[in-house]
Amino acid sequence: MLNLVGFGLGILLGLWTAYKRGGSALDLLHYATIFGLIGFVVGAFAMLVIPAPA
């Protein structure tokens, strides 16, 4: 579940970053994709490290 949260937050962060840099529509898509994938991997790693609630 954390990987999907990381994916969503990564997309939002990527869109915000590209928008602040004044990027075109393709820049927005590219940043959102890359940041989303990074967020997905970080979320997946967090699921392995953080123990599940009891």
C-alpha atoms as a PDB file:
ATOM      1  CA  MET A   1       0.000   0.000   0.000  1.00  0.00           C
ATOM      2  CA  LEU A   2       2.863   2.357   0.746  1.00  0.00           C
ATOM      3  CA  ASN A   3       4.161   1.885  -2.769  1.00  0.00           C
ATOM      4  CA  LEU A   4       0.909   3.287  -4.194  1.00  0.00           C
ATOM      5  CA  VAL A   5       1.026   6.209  -1.774  1.00  0.00           C
ATOM      6  CA  GLY A   6       4.620   6.867  -2.806  1.00  0.00           C
ATOM      7  CA  PHE A   7       3.615   6.637  -6.458  1.00  0.00           C
ATOM      8  CA  GLY A   8       0.826   9.177  -6.011  1.00  0.00           C
ATOM      9  CA  LEU A   9       2.967  11.571  -4.016  1.00  0.00           C
ATOM     10  CA  GLY A  10       5.765  11.207  -6.542  1.00  0.00           C
ATOM     11  CA  ILE A  11       3.426  12.144  -9.375  1.00  0.00           C
ATOM     12  CA  LEU A  12       2.222  15.207  -7.493  1.00  0.00           C
ATOM     13  CA  LEU A  13       5.786  16.234  -6.634  1.00  0.00           C
ATOM     14  CA  GLY A  14       6.871  15.741 -10.245  1.00  0.00           C
ATOM     15  CA  LEU A  15       4.004  17.832 -11.591  1.00  0.00           C
ATOM     16  CA  TRP A  16       4.689  20.576  -9.076  1.00  0.00           C
ATOM     17  CA  THR A  17       8.429  20.590  -9.826  1.00  0.00           C
ATOM     18  CA  ALA A  18       7.937  20.759 -13.599  1.00  0.00           C
ATOM     19  CA  TYR A  19       5.295  23.473 -13.248  1.00  0.00           C
ATOM     20  CA  LYS A  20       7.587  25.594 -11.056  1.00  0.00           C
ATOM     21  CA  ARG A  21      10.374  25.242 -13.638  1.00  0.00           C
ATOM     22  CA  GLY A  22       8.011  26.445 -16.375  1.00  0.00           C
ATOM     23  CA  GLY A  23       7.960  23.189 -18.296  1.00  0.00           C
ATOM     24  CA  SER A  24       5.809  22.235 -21.261  1.00  0.00           C
ATOM     25  CA  ALA A  25       3.184  19.495 -21.203  1.00  0.00           C
ATOM     26  CA  LEU A  26       5.793  16.870 -22.080  1.00  0.00           C
ATOM     27  CA  ASP A  27       8.013  18.106 -19.255  1.00  0.00           C
ATOM     28  CA  LEU A  28       5.085  17.744 -16.855  1.00  0.00           C
ATOM     29  CA  LEU A  29       4.523  14.181 -18.057  1.00  0.00           C
ATOM     30  CA  HIS A  30       8.197  13.292 -17.867  1.00  0.00           C
ATOM     31  CA  TYR A  31       8.737  14.688 -14.377  1.00  0.00           C
ATOM     32  CA  ALA A  32       5.523  13.051 -13.107  1.00  0.00           C
ATOM     33  CA  THR A  33       6.563   9.683 -14.528  1.00  0.00           C
ATOM     34  CA  ILE A  34      10.099   9.726 -13.153  1.00  0.00           C
ATOM     35  CA  PHE A  35       9.129  11.053  -9.727  1.00  0.00           C
ATOM     36  CA  GLY A  36       6.237   8.570  -9.595  1.00  0.00           C
ATOM     37  CA  LEU A  37       8.547   5.647 -10.261  1.00  0.00           C
ATOM     38  CA  ILE A  38      11.027   6.879  -7.665  1.00  0.00           C
ATOM     39  CA  GLY A  39       8.185   7.253  -5.158  1.00  0.00           C
ATOM     40  CA  PHE A  40       6.971   3.738  -5.973  1.00  0.00           C
ATOM     41  CA  VAL A  41      10.407   2.245  -5.299  1.00  0.00           C
ATOM     42  CA  VAL A  42      10.840   4.222  -2.075  1.00  0.00           C
ATOM     43  CA  GLY A  43       7.371   3.121  -0.939  1.00  0.00           C
ATOM     44  CA  ALA A  44       8.126  -0.513  -1.733  1.00  0.00           C
ATOM     45  CA  PHE A  45      11.372  -0.294   0.225  1.00  0.00           C
ATOM     46  CA  ALA A  46       9.528   1.330   3.140  1.00  0.00           C
ATOM     47  CA  MET A  47       7.072  -1.580   3.189  1.00  0.00           C
ATOM     48  CA  LEU A  48      10.013  -3.941   3.654  1.00  0.00           C
ATOM     49  CA  VAL A  49      11.643  -1.867   6.397  1.00  0.00           C
ATOM     50  CA  ILE A  50       8.671  -0.607   8.424  1.00  0.00           C
ATOM     51  CA  PRO A  51       6.924  -3.395  10.336  1.00  0.00           C
ATOM     52  CA  ALA A  52       3.185  -3.866   9.866  1.00  0.00           C
ATOM     53  CA  PRO A  53       0.965  -2.702  12.711  1.00  0.00           C
ATOM     54  CA  ALA A  54      -0.075  -5.481  15.055  1.00  0.00           C
END
